[in-house]
């Protein structure tokens, strides 16, 4: 799980233009990391490519925090 978090931090920091230290498990994508819909789409695409998972639009709506994303990916790998 730690490796997933570290890679996710890199991807999110790159796509959202934030410092990786801000990408913590409790960080909310929209409220804390100021991601808009297009940002989230780019993050999801990058996560799908990196981790070989498919994230449905319905599932994206349930992923509110970085920790949610880590758990989602870990459960599906």
PDB file of N, CA and C in Angstrom:
ATOM      1  N   UNK A   1       0.825  -1.191   0.000  1.00  0.00           N
ATOM      2  CA  UNK A   1       0.000   0.000   0.000  1.00  0.00           C
ATOM      3  C   UNK A   1       0.869   1.254   0.000  1.00  0.00           C
ATOM      4  N   UNK A   2       2.004   1.204   0.666  1.00  0.00           N
ATOM      5  CA  UNK A   2       2.884   2.369   0.711  1.00  0.00           C
ATOM      6  C   UNK A   2       3.405   2.726  -0.676  1.00  0.00           C
ATOM      7  N   UNK A   3       3.716   1.712  -1.476  1.00  0.00           N
ATOM      8  CA  UNK A   3       4.201   1.976  -2.824  1.00  0.00           C
ATOM      9  C   UNK A   3       3.102   2.616  -3.676  1.00  0.00           C
ATOM     10  N   UNK A   4       1.863   2.185  -3.479  1.00  0.00           N
ATOM     11  CA  UNK A   4       0.738   2.773  -4.207  1.00  0.00           C
ATOM     12  C   UNK A   4       0.602   4.239  -3.814  1.00  0.00           C
ATOM     13  N   UNK A   5       0.679   4.532  -2.526  1.00  0.00           N
ATOM     14  CA  UNK A   5       0.569   5.908  -2.061  1.00  0.00           C
ATOM     15  C   UNK A   5       1.680   6.775  -2.644  1.00  0.00           C
ATOM     16  N   UNK A   6       2.897   6.285  -2.624  1.00  0.00           N
ATOM     17  CA  UNK A   6       4.022   7.075  -3.127  1.00  0.00           C
ATOM     18  C   UNK A   6       3.869   7.379  -4.616  1.00  0.00           C
ATOM     19  N   UNK A   7       3.467   6.389  -5.393  1.00  0.00           N
ATOM     20  CA  UNK A   7       3.288   6.600  -6.832  1.00  0.00           C
ATOM     21  C   UNK A   7       2.106   7.526  -7.083  1.00  0.00           C
ATOM     22  N   UNK A   8       1.046   7.343  -6.309  1.00  0.00           N
ATOM     23  CA  UNK A   8      -0.121   8.197  -6.441  1.00  0.00           C
ATOM     24  C   UNK A   8       0.235   9.641  -6.110  1.00  0.00           C
ATOM     25  N   UNK A   9       1.069   9.844  -5.094  1.00  0.00           N
ATOM     26  CA  UNK A   9       1.509  11.193  -4.734  1.00  0.00           C
ATOM     27  C   UNK A   9       2.230  11.856  -5.906  1.00  0.00           C
ATOM     28  N   UNK A  10       3.100  11.100  -6.566  1.00  0.00           N
ATOM     29  CA  UNK A  10       3.822  11.639  -7.719  1.00  0.00           C
ATOM     30  C   UNK A  10       2.864  12.044  -8.828  1.00  0.00           C
ATOM     31  N   UNK A  11       1.931  11.167  -9.144  1.00  0.00           N
ATOM     32  CA  UNK A  11       0.987  11.421 -10.235  1.00  0.00           C
ATOM     33  C   UNK A  11       0.107  12.621  -9.921  1.00  0.00           C
ATOM     34  N   UNK A  12      -0.471  12.644  -8.729  1.00  0.00           N
ATOM     35  CA  UNK A  12      -1.378  13.729  -8.355  1.00  0.00           C
ATOM     36  C   UNK A  12      -0.626  15.063  -8.302  1.00  0.00           C
ATOM     37  N   UNK A  13       0.561  15.065  -7.729  1.00  0.00           N
ATOM     38  CA  UNK A  13       1.354  16.298  -7.668  1.00  0.00           C
ATOM     39  C   UNK A  13       1.642  16.817  -9.068  1.00  0.00           C
ATOM     40  N   UNK A  14       1.992  15.916  -9.973  1.00  0.00           N
ATOM     41  CA  UNK A  14       2.290  16.298 -11.352  1.00  0.00           C
ATOM     42  C   UNK A  14       1.050  16.837 -12.060  1.00  0.00           C
ATOM     43  N   UNK A  15      -0.049  16.132 -11.975  1.00  0.00           N
ATOM     44  CA  UNK A  15      -1.270  16.510 -12.697  1.00  0.00           C
ATOM     45  C   UNK A  15      -1.940  17.758 -12.129  1.00  0.00           C
ATOM     46  N   UNK A  16      -1.848  17.938 -10.812  1.00  0.00           N
ATOM     47  CA  UNK A  16      -2.522  19.076 -10.184  1.00  0.00           C
ATOM     48  C   UNK A  16      -1.592  20.254  -9.918  1.00  0.00           C
ATOM     49  N   UNK A  17      -0.308  20.062 -10.138  1.00  0.00           N
ATOM     50  CA  UNK A  17       0.638  21.147  -9.913  1.00  0.00           C
ATOM     51  C   UNK A  17       0.771  21.539  -8.449  1.00  0.00           C
ATOM     52  N   UNK A  18       0.683  20.540  -7.580  1.00  0.00           N
ATOM     53  CA  UNK A  18       0.852  20.797  -6.144  1.00  0.00           C
ATOM     54  C   UNK A  18       2.101  20.078  -5.674  1.00  0.00           C
ATOM     55  N   UNK A  19       2.571  20.456  -4.500  1.00  0.00           N
ATOM     56  CA  UNK A  19       3.727  19.794  -3.910  1.00  0.00           C
ATOM     57  C   UNK A  19       3.309  18.410  -3.416  1.00  0.00           C
ATOM     58  N   UNK A  20       4.164  17.431  -3.627  1.00  0.00           N
ATOM     59  CA  UNK A  20       3.853  16.054  -3.214  1.00  0.00           C
ATOM     60  C   UNK A  20       3.565  15.961  -1.712  1.00  0.00           C
ATOM     61  N   UNK A  21       4.141  16.858  -0.923  1.00  0.00           N
ATOM     62  CA  UNK A  21       3.910  16.818   0.523  1.00  0.00           C
ATOM     63  C   UNK A  21       2.460  17.168   0.875  1.00  0.00           C
ATOM     64  N   UNK A  22       1.735  17.813  -0.048  1.00  0.00           N
ATOM     65  CA  UNK A  22       0.323  18.135   0.176  1.00  0.00           C
ATOM     66  C   UNK A  22      -0.582  16.942  -0.115  1.00  0.00           C
ATOM     67  N   UNK A  23      -0.061  15.983  -0.846  1.00  0.00           N
ATOM     68  CA  UNK A  23      -0.856  14.828  -1.279  1.00  0.00           C
ATOM     69  C   UNK A  23      -0.771  13.750  -0.207  1.00  0.00           C
ATOM     70  N   UNK A  24      -1.543  13.947   0.847  1.00  0.00           N
ATOM     71  CA  UNK A  24      -1.595  13.008   1.971  1.00  0.00           C
ATOM     72  C   UNK A  24      -2.922  12.257   1.908  1.00  0.00           C
ATOM     73  N   UNK A  25      -3.008  11.160   2.629  1.00  0.00           N
ATOM     74  CA  UNK A  25      -4.195  10.308   2.543  1.00  0.00           C
ATOM     75  C   UNK A  25      -5.494  11.026   2.889  1.00  0.00           C
ATOM     76  N   UNK A  26      -5.440  12.015   3.754  1.00  0.00           N
ATOM     77  CA  UNK A  26      -6.663  12.723   4.156  1.00  0.00           C
ATOM     78  C   UNK A  26      -7.010  13.889   3.231  1.00  0.00           C
ATOM     79  N   UNK A  27      -6.132  14.204   2.287  1.00  0.00           N
ATOM     80  CA  UNK A  27      -6.376  15.339   1.383  1.00  0.00           C
ATOM     81  C   UNK A  27      -7.541  15.030   0.452  1.00  0.00           C
ATOM     82  N   UNK A  28      -8.484  15.976   0.402  1.00  0.00           N
ATOM     83  CA  UNK A  28      -9.620  15.847  -0.506  1.00  0.00           C
ATOM     84  C   UNK A  28      -9.237  16.476  -1.846  1.00  0.00           C
ATOM     85  N   UNK A  29      -9.551  15.774  -2.921  1.00  0.00           N
ATOM     86  CA  UNK A  29      -9.135  16.232  -4.245  1.00  0.00           C
ATOM     87  C   UNK A  29      -9.675  17.620  -4.564  1.00  0.00           C
ATOM     88  N   UNK A  30     -10.972  17.820  -4.401  1.00  0.00           N
ATOM     89  CA  UNK A  30     -11.567  19.105  -4.785  1.00  0.00           C
ATOM     90  C   UNK A  30     -11.297  20.203  -3.765  1.00  0.00           C
ATOM     91  N   UNK A  31     -11.561  19.914  -2.507  1.00  0.00           N
ATOM     92  CA  UNK A  31     -11.487  20.950  -1.488  1.00  0.00           C
ATOM     93  C   UNK A  31     -10.049  21.314  -1.102  1.00  0.00           C
ATOM     94  N   UNK A  32      -9.203  20.308  -0.895  1.00  0.00           N
ATOM     95  CA  UNK A  32      -7.848  20.567  -0.399  1.00  0.00           C
ATOM     96  C   UNK A  32      -6.828  20.757  -1.523  1.00  0.00           C
ATOM     97  N   UNK A  33      -6.978  19.985  -2.597  1.00  0.00           N
ATOM     98  CA  UNK A  33      -5.997  20.038  -3.683  1.00  0.00           C
ATOM     99  C   UNK A  33      -6.502  20.877  -4.865  1.00  0.00           C
ATOM    100  N   UNK A  34      -7.714  21.424  -4.709  1.00  0.00           N
ATOM    101  CA  UNK A  34      -8.318  22.347  -5.675  1.00  0.00           C
ATOM    102  C   UNK A  34      -8.402  21.783  -7.090  1.00  0.00           C
ATOM    103  N   UNK A  35      -8.742  20.497  -7.186  1.00  0.00           N
ATOM    104  CA  UNK A  35      -8.894  19.853  -8.490  1.00  0.00           C
ATOM    105  C   UNK A  35     -10.284  20.145  -9.053  1.00  0.00           C
ATOM    106  N   UNK A  36     -10.338  20.448 -10.353  1.00  0.00           N
ATOM    107  CA  UNK A  36     -11.629  20.587 -11.011  1.00  0.00           C
ATOM    108  C   UNK A  36     -11.922  19.301 -11.782  1.00  0.00           C
ATOM    109  N   UNK A  37     -13.019  19.277 -12.509  1.00  0.00           N
ATOM    110  CA  UNK A  37     -13.421  18.056 -13.218  1.00  0.00           C
ATOM    111  C   UNK A  37     -12.379  17.585 -14.216  1.00  0.00           C
ATOM    112  N   UNK A  38     -11.800  18.503 -14.962  1.00  0.00           N
ATOM    113  CA  UNK A  38     -10.778  18.144 -15.944  1.00  0.00           C
ATOM    114  C   UNK A  38      -9.534  17.584 -15.248  1.00  0.00           C
ATOM    115  N   UNK A  39      -9.137  18.208 -14.136  1.00  0.00           N
ATOM    116  CA  UNK A  39      -7.999  17.703 -13.361  1.00  0.00           C
ATOM    117  C   UNK A  39      -8.240  16.262 -12.920  1.00  0.00           C
ATOM    118  N   UNK A  40      -9.438  16.021 -12.395  1.00  0.00           N
ATOM    119  CA  UNK A  40      -9.755  14.679 -11.906  1.00  0.00           C
ATOM    120  C   UNK A  40      -9.751  13.667 -13.041  1.00  0.00           C
ATOM    121  N   UNK A  41     -10.243  14.063 -14.207  1.00  0.00           N
ATOM    122  CA  UNK A  41     -10.215  13.181 -15.371  1.00  0.00           C
ATOM    123  C   UNK A  41      -8.776  12.806 -15.718  1.00  0.00           C
ATOM    124  N   UNK A  42      -7.881  13.785 -15.718  1.00  0.00           N
ATOM    125  CA  UNK A  42      -6.474  13.529 -16.033  1.00  0.00           C
ATOM    126  C   UNK A  42      -5.816  12.633 -14.987  1.00  0.00           C
ATOM    127  N   UNK A  43      -6.148  12.855 -13.731  1.00  0.00           N
ATOM    128  CA  UNK A  43      -5.603  12.014 -12.657  1.00  0.00           C
ATOM    129  C   UNK A  43      -6.089  10.577 -12.825  1.00  0.00           C
ATOM    130  N   UNK A  44      -7.382  10.408 -13.079  1.00  0.00           N
ATOM    131  CA  UNK A  44      -7.947   9.068 -13.246  1.00  0.00           C
ATOM    132  C   UNK A  44      -7.285   8.347 -14.422  1.00  0.00           C
ATOM    133  N   UNK A  45      -7.123   9.029 -15.540  1.00  0.00           N
ATOM    134  CA  UNK A  45      -6.481   8.415 -16.712  1.00  0.00           C
ATOM    135  C   UNK A  45      -5.056   7.969 -16.374  1.00  0.00           C
ATOM    136  N   UNK A  46      -4.324   8.813 -15.668  1.00  0.00           N
ATOM    137  CA  UNK A  46      -2.946   8.481 -15.296  1.00  0.00           C
ATOM    138  C   UNK A  46      -2.910   7.303 -14.327  1.00  0.00           C
ATOM    139  N   UNK A  47      -3.851   7.261 -13.395  1.00  0.00           N
ATOM    140  CA  UNK A  47      -3.902   6.148 -12.440  1.00  0.00           C
ATOM    141  C   UNK A  47      -4.244   4.841 -13.149  1.00  0.00           C
ATOM    142  N   UNK A  48      -5.172   4.908 -14.086  1.00  0.00           N
ATOM    143  CA  UNK A  48      -5.523   3.706 -14.843  1.00  0.00           C
ATOM    144  C   UNK A  48      -4.313   3.181 -15.613  1.00  0.00           C
ATOM    145  N   UNK A  49      -3.582   4.079 -16.239  1.00  0.00           N
ATOM    146  CA  UNK A  49      -2.385   3.680 -16.994  1.00  0.00           C
ATOM    147  C   UNK A  49      -1.310   3.106 -16.080  1.00  0.00           C
ATOM    148  N   UNK A  50      -1.056   3.781 -14.978  1.00  0.00           N
ATOM    149  CA  UNK A  50       0.028   3.383 -14.078  1.00  0.00           C
ATOM    150  C   UNK A  50      -0.249   2.058 -13.371  1.00  0.00           C
ATOM    151  N   UNK A  51      -1.487   1.889 -12.904  1.00  0.00           N
ATOM    152  CA  UNK A  51      -1.792   0.743 -12.061  1.00  0.00           C
ATOM    153  C   UNK A  51      -2.560  -0.369 -12.776  1.00  0.00           C
ATOM    154  N   UNK A  52      -2.915  -0.146 -14.032  1.00  0.00           N
ATOM    155  CA  UNK A  52      -3.610  -1.178 -14.788  1.00  0.00           C
ATOM    156  C   UNK A  52      -5.000  -1.489 -14.264  1.00  0.00           C
ATOM    157  N   UNK A  53      -5.676  -0.476 -13.759  1.00  0.00           N
ATOM    158  CA  UNK A  53      -7.039  -0.646 -13.271  1.00  0.00           C
ATOM    159  C   UNK A  53      -7.977   0.194 -14.132  1.00  0.00           C
ATOM    160  N   UNK A  54      -9.239  -0.161 -14.103  1.00  0.00           N
ATOM    161  CA  UNK A  54     -10.261   0.621 -14.796  1.00  0.00           C
ATOM    162  C   UNK A  54     -11.145   1.242 -13.733  1.00  0.00           C
ATOM    163  N   UNK A  55     -11.304   2.557 -13.790  1.00  0.00           N
ATOM    164  CA  UNK A  55     -12.084   3.281 -12.783  1.00  0.00           C
ATOM    165  C   UNK A  55     -13.321   3.850 -13.475  1.00  0.00           C
ATOM    166  N   UNK A  56     -14.489   3.329 -13.117  1.00  0.00           N
ATOM    167  CA  UNK A  56     -15.734   3.789 -13.738  1.00  0.00           C
ATOM    168  C   UNK A  56     -16.089   5.191 -13.253  1.00  0.00           C
ATOM    169  N   UNK A  57     -16.935   5.862 -14.031  1.00  0.00           N
ATOM    170  CA  UNK A  57     -17.376   7.200 -13.637  1.00  0.00           C
ATOM    171  C   UNK A  57     -18.093   7.165 -12.292  1.00  0.00           C
ATOM    172  N   UNK A  58     -18.872   6.104 -12.059  1.00  0.00           N
ATOM    173  CA  UNK A  58     -19.570   5.969 -10.778  1.00  0.00           C
ATOM    174  C   UNK A  58     -18.578   5.841  -9.630  1.00  0.00           C
ATOM    175  N   UNK A  59     -17.518   5.070  -9.849  1.00  0.00           N
ATOM    176  CA  UNK A  59     -16.505   4.896  -8.810  1.00  0.00           C
ATOM    177  C   UNK A  59     -15.746   6.196  -8.551  1.00  0.00           C
ATOM    178  N   UNK A  60     -15.498   6.961  -9.604  1.00  0.00           N
ATOM    179  CA  UNK A  60     -14.786   8.230  -9.446  1.00  0.00           C
ATOM    180  C   UNK A  60     -15.539   9.135  -8.476  1.00  0.00           C
ATOM    181  N   UNK A  61     -16.860   9.147  -8.572  1.00  0.00           N
ATOM    182  CA  UNK A  61     -17.667   9.994  -7.698  1.00  0.00           C
ATOM    183  C   UNK A  61     -17.495   9.634  -6.223  1.00  0.00           C
ATOM    184  N   UNK A  62     -17.172   8.373  -5.943  1.00  0.00           N
ATOM    185  CA  UNK A  62     -16.997   7.930  -4.563  1.00  0.00           C
ATOM    186  C   UNK A  62     -15.592   8.122  -4.028  1.00  0.00           C
ATOM    187  N   UNK A  63     -14.666   8.495  -4.898  1.00  0.00           N
ATOM    188  CA  UNK A  63     -13.277   8.690  -4.487  1.00  0.00           C
ATOM    189  C   UNK A  63     -13.086  10.173  -4.173  1.00  0.00           C
ATOM    190  N   UNK A  64     -13.158  10.488  -2.915  1.00  0.00           N
ATOM    191  CA  UNK A  64     -13.096  11.894  -2.489  1.00  0.00           C
ATOM    192  C   UNK A  64     -11.709  12.313  -2.010  1.00  0.00           C
ATOM    193  N   UNK A  65     -10.975  11.354  -1.424  1.00  0.00           N
ATOM    194  CA  UNK A  65      -9.673  11.676  -0.840  1.00  0.00           C
ATOM    195  C   UNK A  65      -8.570  10.833  -1.481  1.00  0.00           C
ATOM    196  N   UNK A  66      -7.348  11.222  -1.224  1.00  0.00           N
ATOM    197  CA  UNK A  66      -6.199  10.454  -1.692  1.00  0.00           C
ATOM    198  C   UNK A  66      -6.251   9.046  -1.091  1.00  0.00           C
ATOM    199  N   UNK A  67      -6.626   8.935   0.161  1.00  0.00           N
ATOM    200  CA  UNK A  67      -6.747   7.633   0.817  1.00  0.00           C
ATOM    201  C   UNK A  67      -7.784   6.751   0.141  1.00  0.00           C
ATOM    202  N   UNK A  68      -8.910   7.358  -0.289  1.00  0.00           N
ATOM    203  CA  UNK A  68      -9.924   6.598  -1.026  1.00  0.00           C
ATOM    204  C   UNK A  68      -9.317   6.013  -2.301  1.00  0.00           C
ATOM    205  N   UNK A  69      -8.522   6.809  -2.999  1.00  0.00           N
ATOM    206  CA  UNK A  69      -7.892   6.357  -4.245  1.00  0.00           C
ATOM    207  C   UNK A  69      -6.905   5.218  -3.972  1.00  0.00           C
ATOM    208  N   UNK A  70      -6.119   5.357  -2.917  1.00  0.00           N
ATOM    209  CA  UNK A  70      -5.158   4.306  -2.556  1.00  0.00           C
ATOM    210  C   UNK A  70      -5.893   3.002  -2.267  1.00  0.00           C
ATOM    211  N   UNK A  71      -6.952   3.073  -1.468  1.00  0.00           N
ATOM    212  CA  UNK A  71      -7.719   1.876  -1.125  1.00  0.00           C
ATOM    213  C   UNK A  71      -8.352   1.252  -2.367  1.00  0.00           C
ATOM    214  N   UNK A  72      -8.902   2.086  -3.228  1.00  0.00           N
ATOM    215  CA  UNK A  72      -9.541   1.603  -4.456  1.00  0.00           C
ATOM    216  C   UNK A  72      -8.534   0.827  -5.309  1.00  0.00           C
ATOM    217  N   UNK A  73      -7.380   1.419  -5.520  1.00  0.00           N
ATOM    218  CA  UNK A  73      -6.352   0.788  -6.359  1.00  0.00           C
ATOM    219  C   UNK A  73      -5.837  -0.487  -5.706  1.00  0.00           C
ATOM    220  N   UNK A  74      -5.555  -0.443  -4.420  1.00  0.00           N
ATOM    221  CA  UNK A  74      -5.022  -1.597  -3.702  1.00  0.00           C
ATOM    222  C   UNK A  74      -5.989  -2.782  -3.767  1.00  0.00           C
ATOM    223  N   UNK A  75      -7.279  -2.505  -3.631  1.00  0.00           N
ATOM    224  CA  UNK A  75      -8.281  -3.570  -3.661  1.00  0.00           C
ATOM    225  C   UNK A  75      -8.404  -4.212  -5.040  1.00  0.00           C
ATOM    226  N   UNK A  76      -8.030  -3.499  -6.086  1.00  0.00           N
ATOM    227  CA  UNK A  76      -8.236  -3.990  -7.446  1.00  0.00           C
ATOM    228  C   UNK A  76      -6.976  -4.465  -8.141  1.00  0.00           C
ATOM    229  N   UNK A  77      -5.866  -4.446  -7.464  1.00  0.00           N
ATOM    230  CA  UNK A  77      -4.619  -4.913  -8.081  1.00  0.00           C
ATOM    231  C   UNK A  77      -4.417  -6.382  -7.850  1.00  0.00           C
TER     232      UNK A  77
END
